[in-house]
Amino acid sequence: MAQMEKTQGGQDKKEEAPQQQKKGKGKLVAEKRPRGLAAPDVSDPKLVSEVQKMGAITPFALASQFNLRLSVAKDLLEDLERRRVVRLVGGNARIRIYQPAAA
């Protein structure tokens, strides 16, 4: 009798599981959002003020904050450096580290 109750309880859980899970092995599928392909306007004061608030600025941090692709974030940082909004403080060929330029 107890064995039948256990199997019945297991079947109830299996019926509820497909509503929460979309793929097998118990992993929940995260909703994918497309990343922005176009860089935001560099002269936008809102963008500049957000960048000035950041301590260390990396392409990944910028891409995460503004929902951009890494390549777009790298190009944006290079453009900001040319405009002297940020300055390069370190890094190598794979990653660059910037910080806001002193006003």
N, C-alpha and C. Protein backbone atom coordinates (compact mmCIF):
# COMPACT_ATOMS: atom_id res chain seq x y z
N MET A 1 0.82 -1.18 0.00
CA MET A 1 0.00 0.00 0.00
C MET A 1 0.88 1.26 0.00
N ALA A 2 1.89 1.30 0.84
CA ALA A 2 2.79 2.45 0.90
C ALA A 2 3.54 2.61 -0.41
N GLN A 3 3.90 1.50 -1.03
CA GLN A 3 4.61 1.55 -2.30
C GLN A 3 3.74 2.19 -3.38
N MET A 4 2.46 1.91 -3.38
CA MET A 4 1.55 2.48 -4.37
C MET A 4 1.40 3.99 -4.16
N GLU A 5 1.40 4.42 -2.90
CA GLU A 5 1.29 5.85 -2.62
C GLU A 5 2.54 6.59 -3.10
N LYS A 6 3.70 5.97 -2.95
CA LYS A 6 4.94 6.59 -3.40
C LYS A 6 4.95 6.75 -4.92
N THR A 7 4.54 5.72 -5.62
CA THR A 7 4.53 5.80 -7.08
C THR A 7 3.49 6.82 -7.55
N GLN A 8 2.36 6.88 -6.86
CA GLN A 8 1.33 7.86 -7.21
C GLN A 8 1.86 9.29 -6.99
N GLY A 9 2.58 9.52 -5.91
CA GLY A 9 3.16 10.83 -5.63
C GLY A 9 4.20 11.20 -6.67
N GLY A 10 4.98 10.25 -7.14
CA GLY A 10 5.99 10.49 -8.16
C GLY A 10 5.36 10.84 -9.49
N GLN A 11 4.23 10.23 -9.81
CA GLN A 11 3.55 10.53 -11.06
C GLN A 11 2.96 11.94 -11.04
N ASP A 12 2.48 12.37 -9.89
CA ASP A 12 1.92 13.72 -9.78
C ASP A 12 3.01 14.77 -10.01
N LYS A 13 4.21 14.52 -9.49
CA LYS A 13 5.31 15.46 -9.68
C LYS A 13 5.74 15.52 -11.13
N LYS A 14 5.71 14.37 -11.82
CA LYS A 14 6.11 14.33 -13.23
C LYS A 14 5.12 15.10 -14.09
N GLU A 15 3.85 15.12 -13.72
CA GLU A 15 2.86 15.84 -14.49
C GLU A 15 3.03 17.35 -14.34
N GLU A 16 3.49 17.81 -13.19
CA GLU A 16 3.70 19.24 -12.95
C GLU A 16 4.99 19.73 -13.59
N ALA A 17 5.97 18.88 -13.72
CA ALA A 17 7.30 19.28 -14.20
C ALA A 17 7.30 19.85 -15.61
N PRO A 18 6.59 19.29 -16.60
CA PRO A 18 6.68 19.86 -17.95
C PRO A 18 6.21 21.31 -18.05
N GLN A 19 5.39 21.76 -17.14
CA GLN A 19 4.96 23.14 -17.18
C GLN A 19 6.10 24.09 -16.83
N GLN A 20 7.00 23.68 -15.97
CA GLN A 20 8.09 24.54 -15.53
C GLN A 20 9.34 24.37 -16.39
N GLN A 21 9.53 23.21 -16.98
CA GLN A 21 10.75 22.92 -17.72
C GLN A 21 10.43 22.75 -19.19
N LYS A 22 11.32 23.25 -20.03
CA LYS A 22 11.11 23.11 -21.46
C LYS A 22 12.05 22.08 -22.07
N LYS A 23 13.21 21.91 -21.51
CA LYS A 23 14.16 20.93 -22.02
C LYS A 23 14.45 19.92 -20.92
N GLY A 24 14.98 18.79 -21.30
CA GLY A 24 15.21 17.70 -20.36
C GLY A 24 16.31 17.97 -19.36
N LYS A 25 16.50 17.02 -18.50
CA LYS A 25 17.55 17.01 -17.48
C LYS A 25 17.35 18.09 -16.41
N GLY A 26 16.14 18.59 -16.25
CA GLY A 26 15.83 19.47 -15.14
C GLY A 26 16.36 20.88 -15.25
N LYS A 27 16.83 21.31 -16.41
CA LYS A 27 17.34 22.66 -16.55
C LYS A 27 16.22 23.58 -17.03
N LEU A 28 16.10 24.72 -16.39
CA LEU A 28 15.13 25.70 -16.85
C LEU A 28 15.75 26.50 -17.98
N VAL A 29 14.96 26.77 -18.99
CA VAL A 29 15.46 27.49 -20.15
C VAL A 29 15.27 28.98 -19.92
N ALA A 30 16.36 29.72 -20.01
CA ALA A 30 16.31 31.17 -19.83
C ALA A 30 15.81 31.82 -21.12
N GLU A 31 15.08 32.88 -20.97
CA GLU A 31 14.58 33.59 -22.13
C GLU A 31 15.73 34.34 -22.78
N LYS A 32 15.89 34.15 -24.09
CA LYS A 32 16.98 34.80 -24.81
C LYS A 32 16.50 36.12 -25.37
N ARG A 33 17.31 37.14 -25.16
CA ARG A 33 17.01 38.46 -25.69
C ARG A 33 18.11 38.82 -26.68
N PRO A 34 17.75 39.34 -27.83
CA PRO A 34 18.79 39.71 -28.79
C PRO A 34 19.59 40.91 -28.29
N ARG A 35 20.88 40.86 -28.53
CA ARG A 35 21.77 41.96 -28.15
C ARG A 35 21.71 43.04 -29.22
N GLY A 36 22.00 44.26 -28.81
CA GLY A 36 21.97 45.38 -29.75
C GLY A 36 23.15 45.33 -30.72
N LEU A 37 22.86 45.55 -31.98
CA LEU A 37 23.92 45.55 -32.99
C LEU A 37 24.44 46.96 -33.25
N ALA A 38 23.63 47.94 -32.99
CA ALA A 38 24.04 49.33 -33.23
C ALA A 38 24.53 49.95 -31.92
N ALA A 39 25.62 50.68 -32.02
CA ALA A 39 26.17 51.34 -30.83
C ALA A 39 25.33 52.56 -30.50
N PRO A 40 25.14 52.83 -29.22
CA PRO A 40 24.43 54.05 -28.86
C PRO A 40 25.25 55.28 -29.24
N ASP A 41 24.60 56.41 -29.33
CA ASP A 41 25.26 57.65 -29.72
C ASP A 41 26.28 58.06 -28.65
N VAL A 42 27.51 58.27 -29.05
CA VAL A 42 28.60 58.58 -28.13
C VAL A 42 28.42 59.96 -27.50
N SER A 43 27.77 60.86 -28.19
CA SER A 43 27.59 62.21 -27.66
C SER A 43 26.36 62.31 -26.74
N ASP A 44 25.68 61.21 -26.50
CA ASP A 44 24.51 61.20 -25.63
C ASP A 44 24.95 61.46 -24.19
N PRO A 45 24.43 62.50 -23.54
CA PRO A 45 24.87 62.81 -22.17
C PRO A 45 24.50 61.72 -21.16
N LYS A 46 23.43 60.99 -21.42
CA LYS A 46 23.03 59.91 -20.51
C LYS A 46 24.08 58.79 -20.52
N LEU A 47 24.56 58.44 -21.71
CA LEU A 47 25.59 57.41 -21.85
C LEU A 47 26.88 57.86 -21.18
N VAL A 48 27.28 59.09 -21.42
CA VAL A 48 28.53 59.60 -20.86
C VAL A 48 28.46 59.64 -19.34
N SER A 49 27.31 60.04 -18.79
CA SER A 49 27.19 60.10 -17.32
C SER A 49 27.24 58.71 -16.70
N GLU A 50 26.64 57.72 -17.37
CA GLU A 50 26.70 56.35 -16.86
C GLU A 50 28.12 55.81 -16.90
N VAL A 51 28.85 56.11 -17.96
CA VAL A 51 30.23 55.64 -18.08
C VAL A 51 31.11 56.33 -17.04
N GLN A 52 30.87 57.60 -16.77
CA GLN A 52 31.66 58.33 -15.78
C GLN A 52 31.48 57.76 -14.37
N LYS A 53 30.32 57.16 -14.09
CA LYS A 53 30.05 56.60 -12.77
C LYS A 53 30.77 55.27 -12.53
N MET A 54 31.14 54.59 -13.61
CA MET A 54 31.77 53.27 -13.48
C MET A 54 33.22 53.43 -13.02
N GLY A 55 33.67 52.49 -12.20
CA GLY A 55 35.05 52.54 -11.71
C GLY A 55 36.02 52.06 -12.77
N ALA A 56 36.07 50.77 -12.98
CA ALA A 56 36.88 50.17 -14.03
C ALA A 56 35.94 49.78 -15.15
N ILE A 57 36.25 50.18 -16.36
CA ILE A 57 35.37 49.94 -17.48
C ILE A 57 36.02 48.92 -18.40
N THR A 58 35.35 47.80 -18.57
CA THR A 58 35.79 46.76 -19.50
C THR A 58 34.72 46.60 -20.57
N PRO A 59 35.08 46.02 -21.71
CA PRO A 59 34.07 45.79 -22.73
C PRO A 59 32.90 44.93 -22.23
N PHE A 60 33.20 43.94 -21.40
CA PHE A 60 32.15 43.08 -20.88
C PHE A 60 31.20 43.86 -19.97
N ALA A 61 31.73 44.72 -19.12
CA ALA A 61 30.89 45.51 -18.22
C ALA A 61 29.98 46.44 -19.01
N LEU A 62 30.53 47.06 -20.04
CA LEU A 62 29.75 47.97 -20.87
C LEU A 62 28.68 47.21 -21.66
N ALA A 63 29.05 46.05 -22.19
CA ALA A 63 28.09 45.25 -22.95
C ALA A 63 26.96 44.75 -22.06
N SER A 64 27.27 44.38 -20.84
CA SER A 64 26.25 43.91 -19.91
C SER A 64 25.31 45.04 -19.50
N GLN A 65 25.85 46.19 -19.23
CA GLN A 65 25.04 47.30 -18.74
C GLN A 65 24.12 47.87 -19.82
N PHE A 66 24.61 47.96 -21.05
CA PHE A 66 23.83 48.57 -22.12
C PHE A 66 23.24 47.56 -23.08
N ASN A 67 23.33 46.27 -22.77
CA ASN A 67 22.78 45.18 -23.59
C ASN A 67 23.32 45.25 -25.03
N LEU A 68 24.65 45.26 -25.15
CA LEU A 68 25.32 45.33 -26.44
C LEU A 68 26.12 44.06 -26.67
N ARG A 69 26.53 43.86 -27.90
CA ARG A 69 27.49 42.79 -28.20
C ARG A 69 28.88 43.27 -27.79
N LEU A 70 29.76 42.32 -27.52
CA LEU A 70 31.12 42.67 -27.09
C LEU A 70 31.85 43.48 -28.15
N SER A 71 31.69 43.11 -29.41
CA SER A 71 32.39 43.84 -30.47
C SER A 71 31.92 45.29 -30.54
N VAL A 72 30.63 45.50 -30.34
CA VAL A 72 30.08 46.86 -30.35
C VAL A 72 30.59 47.63 -29.14
N ALA A 73 30.67 46.96 -27.98
CA ALA A 73 31.17 47.61 -26.77
C ALA A 73 32.64 48.00 -26.92
N LYS A 74 33.44 47.15 -27.57
CA LYS A 74 34.86 47.48 -27.80
C LYS A 74 34.99 48.70 -28.70
N ASP A 75 34.19 48.74 -29.77
CA ASP A 75 34.22 49.89 -30.67
C ASP A 75 33.78 51.16 -29.96
N LEU A 76 32.77 51.03 -29.12
CA LEU A 76 32.27 52.18 -28.37
C LEU A 76 33.33 52.72 -27.42
N LEU A 77 34.06 51.83 -26.75
CA LEU A 77 35.12 52.26 -25.84
C LEU A 77 36.26 52.95 -26.59
N GLU A 78 36.60 52.43 -27.77
CA GLU A 78 37.64 53.08 -28.56
C GLU A 78 37.21 54.48 -28.99
N ASP A 79 35.94 54.62 -29.34
CA ASP A 79 35.43 55.93 -29.72
C ASP A 79 35.40 56.89 -28.53
N LEU A 80 35.02 56.37 -27.37
CA LEU A 80 35.03 57.20 -26.16
C LEU A 80 36.45 57.62 -25.78
N GLU A 81 37.41 56.74 -26.06
CA GLU A 81 38.81 57.09 -25.77
C GLU A 81 39.29 58.20 -26.72
N ARG A 82 38.89 58.12 -27.98
CA ARG A 82 39.26 59.17 -28.93
C ARG A 82 38.67 60.52 -28.52
N ARG A 83 37.49 60.49 -27.92
CA ARG A 83 36.84 61.72 -27.47
C ARG A 83 37.31 62.14 -26.08
N ARG A 84 38.21 61.38 -25.50
CA ARG A 84 38.80 61.64 -24.18
C ARG A 84 37.79 61.64 -23.04
N VAL A 85 36.80 60.75 -23.16
CA VAL A 85 35.84 60.55 -22.07
C VAL A 85 36.40 59.50 -21.11
N VAL A 86 37.08 58.50 -21.68
CA VAL A 86 37.75 57.48 -20.87
C VAL A 86 39.20 57.40 -21.30
N ARG A 87 40.02 56.78 -20.44
CA ARG A 87 41.42 56.59 -20.83
C ARG A 87 41.83 55.15 -20.52
N LEU A 88 42.70 54.63 -21.34
CA LEU A 88 43.20 53.26 -21.20
C LEU A 88 44.17 53.19 -20.04
N VAL A 89 43.96 52.25 -19.12
CA VAL A 89 44.86 52.12 -17.98
C VAL A 89 45.57 50.78 -17.95
N GLY A 90 45.12 49.81 -18.72
CA GLY A 90 45.79 48.52 -18.70
C GLY A 90 45.12 47.54 -19.64
N GLY A 91 45.63 46.32 -19.58
CA GLY A 91 45.07 45.27 -20.40
C GLY A 91 46.10 44.72 -21.36
N ASN A 92 45.61 43.91 -22.28
CA ASN A 92 46.47 43.32 -23.30
C ASN A 92 45.69 43.25 -24.60
N ALA A 93 46.09 42.37 -25.50
CA ALA A 93 45.42 42.29 -26.80
C ALA A 93 44.00 41.76 -26.69
N ARG A 94 43.72 40.97 -25.67
CA ARG A 94 42.40 40.36 -25.53
C ARG A 94 41.41 41.24 -24.78
N ILE A 95 41.87 41.97 -23.79
CA ILE A 95 40.97 42.79 -22.98
C ILE A 95 41.63 44.12 -22.68
N ARG A 96 40.85 45.14 -22.71
CA ARG A 96 41.33 46.48 -22.37
C ARG A 96 40.58 46.96 -21.13
N ILE A 97 41.28 47.68 -20.29
CA ILE A 97 40.67 48.22 -19.07
C ILE A 97 40.78 49.74 -19.13
N TYR A 98 39.64 50.37 -19.00
CA TYR A 98 39.57 51.83 -19.07
C TYR A 98 39.08 52.37 -17.74
N GLN A 99 39.28 53.67 -17.57
CA GLN A 99 38.68 54.35 -16.42
C GLN A 99 38.26 55.73 -16.90
N PRO A 100 37.28 56.32 -16.24
CA PRO A 100 36.82 57.64 -16.67
C PRO A 100 37.96 58.66 -16.62
N ALA A 101 37.99 59.52 -17.62
CA ALA A 101 39.02 60.55 -17.65
C ALA A 101 38.70 61.62 -16.63
N ALA A 102 39.74 62.19 -16.05
CA ALA A 102 39.54 63.27 -15.08
C ALA A 102 39.04 64.51 -15.81
N ALA A 103 38.06 65.14 -15.21
CA ALA A 103 37.46 66.32 -15.85
C ALA A 103 38.33 67.54 -15.74
